C-alpha atoms as a PDB file:
ATOM      1  CA  MET A   1     -90.154 134.067  61.609  1.00  0.00           C
ATOM      2  CA  SER A   2     -90.784 130.729  60.023  1.00  0.00           C
ATOM      3  CA  ALA A   3     -88.424 129.216  57.455  1.00  0.00           C
ATOM      4  CA  ASP A   4     -90.963 130.125  54.708  1.00  0.00           C
ATOM      5  CA  ASP A   5     -90.987 133.885  55.736  1.00  0.00           C
ATOM      6  CA  ARG A   6     -87.429 134.561  54.535  1.00  0.00           C
ATOM      7  CA  SER A   7     -87.069 137.408  52.101  1.00  0.00           C
ATOM      8  CA  ARG A   8     -83.496 136.489  51.242  1.00  0.00           C
ATOM      9  CA  ASP A   9     -81.831 133.160  50.477  1.00  0.00           C
ATOM     10  CA  LEU A  10     -79.370 131.595  52.945  1.00  0.00           C
ATOM     11  CA  ALA A  11     -76.226 132.759  51.047  1.00  0.00           C
ATOM     12  CA  ALA A  12     -77.466 136.338  51.068  1.00  0.00           C
ATOM     13  CA  MET A  13     -78.161 136.142  54.835  1.00  0.00           C
ATOM     14  CA  LEU A  14     -74.843 134.470  55.676  1.00  0.00           C
ATOM     15  CA  GLN A  15     -72.670 136.697  53.478  1.00  0.00           C
ATOM     16  CA  PRO A  16     -72.639 139.737  55.781  1.00  0.00           C
ATOM     17  CA  LEU A  17     -71.869 137.486  58.784  1.00  0.00           C
ATOM     18  CA  LEU A  18     -69.020 135.749  56.870  1.00  0.00           C
ATOM     19  CA  ARG A  19     -67.610 139.153  55.869  1.00  0.00           C
ATOM     20  CA  SER A  20     -67.663 140.295  59.538  1.00  0.00           C
ATOM     21  CA  LEU A  21     -65.997 137.058  60.665  1.00  0.00           C
ATOM     22  CA  ILE A  22     -63.233 137.359  58.030  1.00  0.00           C
ATOM     23  CA  GLU A  23     -62.657 141.012  58.877  1.00  0.00           C
ATOM     24  CA  ALA A  24     -62.327 140.117  62.559  1.00  0.00           C
ATOM     25  CA  GLU A  25     -59.854 137.321  61.741  1.00  0.00           C
ATOM     26  CA  ARG A  26     -57.538 139.465  59.452  1.00  0.00           C
ATOM     27  CA  PRO A  27     -55.809 141.467  62.178  1.00  0.00           C
ATOM     28  CA  VAL A  28     -55.384 138.390  64.377  1.00  0.00           C
ATOM     29  CA  LEU A  29     -53.772 136.431  61.543  1.00  0.00           C
ATOM     30  CA  ALA A  30     -51.611 139.388  60.603  1.00  0.00           C
ATOM     31  CA  GLU A  31     -50.442 139.815  64.182  1.00  0.00           C
ATOM     32  CA  HIS A  32     -49.327 136.151  64.144  1.00  0.00           C
ATOM     33  CA  GLY A  33     -47.776 136.357  60.702  1.00  0.00           C
ATOM     34  CA  ILE A  34     -49.978 133.751  59.025  1.00  0.00           C
ATOM     35  CA  SER A  35     -52.598 133.760  56.265  1.00  0.00           C
ATOM     36  CA  MET A  36     -56.113 132.386  56.411  1.00  0.00           C
ATOM     37  CA  TRP A  37     -54.874 129.386  54.440  1.00  0.00           C
ATOM     38  CA  GLY A  38     -51.973 129.047  56.899  1.00  0.00           C
ATOM     39  CA  TYR A  39     -54.400 128.996  59.717  1.00  0.00           C
ATOM     40  CA  ALA A  40     -56.563 126.374  57.915  1.00  0.00           C
ATOM     41  CA  VAL A  41     -53.432 124.188  57.480  1.00  0.00           C
ATOM     42  CA  LEU A  42     -52.481 124.507  61.111  1.00  0.00           C
ATOM     43  CA  GLY A  43     -56.011 123.674  62.160  1.00  0.00           C
ATOM     44  CA  ALA A  44     -56.149 120.609  59.961  1.00  0.00           C
ATOM     45  CA  LEU A  45     -52.699 119.382  61.166  1.00  0.00           C
ATOM     46  CA  ASN A  46     -53.739 119.942  64.769  1.00  0.00           C
ATOM     47  CA  SER A  47     -56.735 117.705  64.271  1.00  0.00           C
ATOM     48  CA  SER A  48     -54.680 115.007  62.499  1.00  0.00           C
ATOM     49  CA  PRO A  49     -50.941 115.110  63.129  1.00  0.00           C
ATOM     50  CA  ILE A  50     -49.537 113.526  60.020  1.00  0.00           C
ATOM     51  CA  ARG A  51     -51.066 113.632  56.568  1.00  0.00           C
ATOM     52  CA  THR A  52     -49.965 113.907  52.993  1.00  0.00           C
ATOM     53  CA  GLN A  53     -50.121 117.199  51.117  1.00  0.00           C
ATOM     54  CA  ALA A  54     -52.819 115.731  48.870  1.00  0.00           C
ATOM     55  CA  ALA A  55     -54.955 114.608  51.881  1.00  0.00           C
ATOM     56  CA  LEU A  56     -54.451 118.023  53.516  1.00  0.00           C
ATOM     57  CA  CYS A  57     -55.621 119.814  50.360  1.00  0.00           C
ATOM     58  CA  GLU A  58     -58.722 117.676  50.166  1.00  0.00           C
ATOM     59  CA  ALA A  59     -59.495 118.191  53.866  1.00  0.00           C
ATOM     60  CA  ILE A  60     -59.279 122.048  53.664  1.00  0.00           C
ATOM     61  CA  GLY A  61     -60.582 122.435  50.053  1.00  0.00           C
ATOM     62  CA  ALA A  62     -57.306 123.908  48.776  1.00  0.00           C
ATOM     63  CA  ASP A  63     -55.837 123.560  45.288  1.00  0.00           C
ATOM     64  CA  ARG A  64     -52.814 121.297  45.379  1.00  0.00           C
ATOM     65  CA  THR A  65     -50.727 123.538  43.150  1.00  0.00           C
ATOM     66  CA  ARG A  66     -51.579 126.714  45.088  1.00  0.00           C
ATOM     67  CA  ILE A  67     -51.080 125.505  48.659  1.00  0.00           C
ATOM     68  CA  ILE A  68     -47.369 124.869  48.131  1.00  0.00           C
ATOM     69  CA  THR A  69     -46.408 128.498  48.815  1.00  0.00           C
ATOM     70  CA  THR A  70     -48.452 128.476  52.114  1.00  0.00           C
ATOM     71  CA  LEU A  71     -46.706 125.247  53.155  1.00  0.00           C
ATOM     72  CA  ASP A  72     -43.280 126.700  52.242  1.00  0.00           C
ATOM     73  CA  LYS A  73     -43.997 129.794  54.456  1.00  0.00           C
ATOM     74  CA  LEU A  74     -45.266 127.707  57.337  1.00  0.00           C
ATOM     75  CA  GLN A  75     -42.244 125.411  57.122  1.00  0.00           C
ATOM     76  CA  ALA A  76     -39.806 128.322  56.857  1.00  0.00           C
ATOM     77  CA  ALA A  77     -41.482 129.808  60.010  1.00  0.00           C
ATOM     78  CA  GLY A  78     -40.996 126.521  61.827  1.00  0.00           C
ATOM     79  CA  LEU A  79     -44.739 125.983  62.188  1.00  0.00           C
ATOM     80  CA  ILE A  80     -44.929 122.697  60.256  1.00  0.00           C
ATOM     81  CA  SER A  81     -42.554 119.984  59.075  1.00  0.00           C
ATOM     82  CA  ARG A  82     -42.663 118.196  55.768  1.00  0.00           C
ATOM     83  CA  VAL A  83     -40.616 115.009  55.455  1.00  0.00           C
ATOM     84  CA  PRO A  84     -40.419 112.544  52.583  1.00  0.00           C
ATOM     85  CA  ASP A  85     -42.479 109.382  53.091  1.00  0.00           C
ATOM     86  CA  ALA A  86     -40.158 106.360  53.472  1.00  0.00           C
ATOM     87  CA  ALA A  87     -42.447 104.328  51.399  1.00  0.00           C
ATOM     88  CA  ASP A  88     -42.752 106.882  48.521  1.00  0.00           C
ATOM     89  CA  ARG A  89     -40.156 109.697  48.411  1.00  0.00           C
ATOM     90  CA  ARG A  90     -42.486 111.751  46.119  1.00  0.00           C
ATOM     91  CA  VAL A  91     -44.905 112.091  49.029  1.00  0.00           C
ATOM     92  CA  ARG A  92     -44.384 114.555  51.817  1.00  0.00           C
ATOM     93  CA  LEU A  93     -45.743 113.792  55.277  1.00  0.00           C
ATOM     94  CA  LEU A  94     -46.871 116.824  57.171  1.00  0.00           C
ATOM     95  CA  SER A  95     -47.106 117.529  60.915  1.00  0.00           C
ATOM     96  CA  ILE A  96     -47.499 120.596  63.068  1.00  0.00           C
ATOM     97  CA  THR A  97     -44.587 121.660  65.249  1.00  0.00           C
ATOM     98  CA  GLU A  98     -44.694 122.827  68.853  1.00  0.00           C
ATOM     99  CA  ASP A  99     -44.398 126.416  67.590  1.00  0.00           C
ATOM    100  CA  GLY A 100     -47.177 125.695  65.106  1.00  0.00           C
ATOM    101  CA  LEU A 101     -49.362 124.380  67.978  1.00  0.00           C
ATOM    102  CA  ARG A 102     -48.621 127.496  70.044  1.00  0.00           C
ATOM    103  CA  ILE A 103     -49.529 129.841  67.164  1.00  0.00           C
ATOM    104  CA  HIS A 104     -52.620 127.916  66.287  1.00  0.00           C
ATOM    105  CA  HIS A 105     -53.924 127.908  69.851  1.00  0.00           C
ATOM    106  CA  SER A 106     -53.185 131.638  70.208  1.00  0.00           C
ATOM    107  CA  VAL A 107     -54.881 132.528  66.957  1.00  0.00           C
ATOM    108  CA  ARG A 108     -57.862 130.333  67.767  1.00  0.00           C
ATOM    109  CA  ALA A 109     -58.291 132.002  71.179  1.00  0.00           C
ATOM    110  CA  ALA A 110     -58.168 135.492  69.707  1.00  0.00           C
ATOM    111  CA  ILE A 111     -60.589 134.531  66.952  1.00  0.00           C
ATOM    112  CA  ARG A 112     -63.003 133.032  69.514  1.00  0.00           C
ATOM    113  CA  VAL A 113     -62.997 136.434  71.394  1.00  0.00           C
ATOM    114  CA  ALA A 114     -63.916 138.162  68.162  1.00  0.00           C
ATOM    115  CA  GLU A 115     -66.588 135.545  67.403  1.00  0.00           C
ATOM    116  CA  ASP A 116     -68.092 136.034  70.848  1.00  0.00           C
ATOM    117  CA  ARG A 117     -68.369 139.732  70.220  1.00  0.00           C
ATOM    118  CA  ILE A 118     -70.152 139.095  66.831  1.00  0.00           C
ATOM    119  CA  LEU A 119     -72.533 136.516  68.515  1.00  0.00           C
ATOM    120  CA  ALA A 120     -73.139 138.796  71.500  1.00  0.00           C
ATOM    121  CA  PRO A 121     -76.530 140.095  70.340  1.00  0.00           C
ATOM    122  CA  LEU A 122     -77.897 136.575  70.510  1.00  0.00           C
ATOM    123  CA  PRO A 123     -79.322 135.382  73.862  1.00  0.00           C
ATOM    124  CA  PRO A 124     -77.190 132.441  75.223  1.00  0.00           C
ATOM    125  CA  ALA A 125     -79.776 129.788  74.289  1.00  0.00           C
ATOM    126  CA  ASP A 126     -79.995 131.138  70.745  1.00  0.00           C
ATOM    127  CA  ARG A 127     -76.170 131.229  70.445  1.00  0.00           C
ATOM    128  CA  ARG A 128     -75.931 127.578  71.524  1.00  0.00           C
ATOM    129  CA  GLY A 129     -78.724 126.630  69.096  1.00  0.00           C
ATOM    130  CA  PHE A 130     -77.034 128.542  66.234  1.00  0.00           C
ATOM    131  CA  LEU A 131     -73.742 126.786  66.921  1.00  0.00           C
ATOM    132  CA  ARG A 132     -75.461 123.404  67.063  1.00  0.00           C
ATOM    133  CA  ALA A 133     -77.212 124.066  63.841  1.00  0.00           C
ATOM    134  CA  LEU A 134     -73.893 125.106  62.188  1.00  0.00           C
ATOM    135  CA  HIS A 135     -72.218 121.950  63.376  1.00  0.00           C
ATOM    136  CA  ALA A 136     -75.074 119.837  62.052  1.00  0.00           C
ATOM    137  CA  LEU A 137     -75.126 121.579  58.678  1.00  0.00           C
ATOM    138  CA  THR A 138     -71.331 121.512  58.165  1.00  0.00           C
ATOM    139  CA  ASP A 139     -71.181 117.854  59.167  1.00  0.00           C
ATOM    140  CA  SER A 140     -74.008 116.956  56.794  1.00  0.00           C
ATOM    141  CA  THR A 141     -72.606 118.908  53.907  1.00  0.00           C
ATOM    142  CA  ALA A 142     -68.988 117.864  54.254  1.00  0.00           C
ATOM    143  CA  ASP A 143     -69.694 114.510  52.492  1.00  0.00           C
ATOM    144  CA  ARG A 144     -71.704 116.218  49.763  1.00  0.00           C
ATOM    145  CA  ARG A 145     -69.129 118.646  48.379  1.00  0.00           C
ATOM    146  CA  PRO A 146     -69.416 119.332  44.652  1.00  0.00           C
ATOM    147  CA  GLU A 147     -66.764 117.574  42.571  1.00  0.00           C
END
């Protein structure tokens, strides 16, 4: 099929896949006692060990006022730490704890197993091409988010 042969737009084609991925993630996240936002926070902090709450929200696309509950739960579970910035006590510096790293790696491994099941119908070369295309598209759109 050529790009011009599509009967549906990209969002319509991706939506069932996204729904399947989310449904595969839910039991994994529940088993580990974290939400999807919690997993996003742990992933962002794993990539960059210390960042402000504002920078974190921007990185994961979260609303600053709504992410506080998620951060409170992660901190109470010992998965992240939040400490006042010595330069500006109004700012909280975030970092992932050892327990947070352990949970993040465990969740990520279980999610990858589920993703592999979902991608199994694709031949290996197509799977690699699909993942390369996703990386290219997500990298190119990250800088063009709507304001």
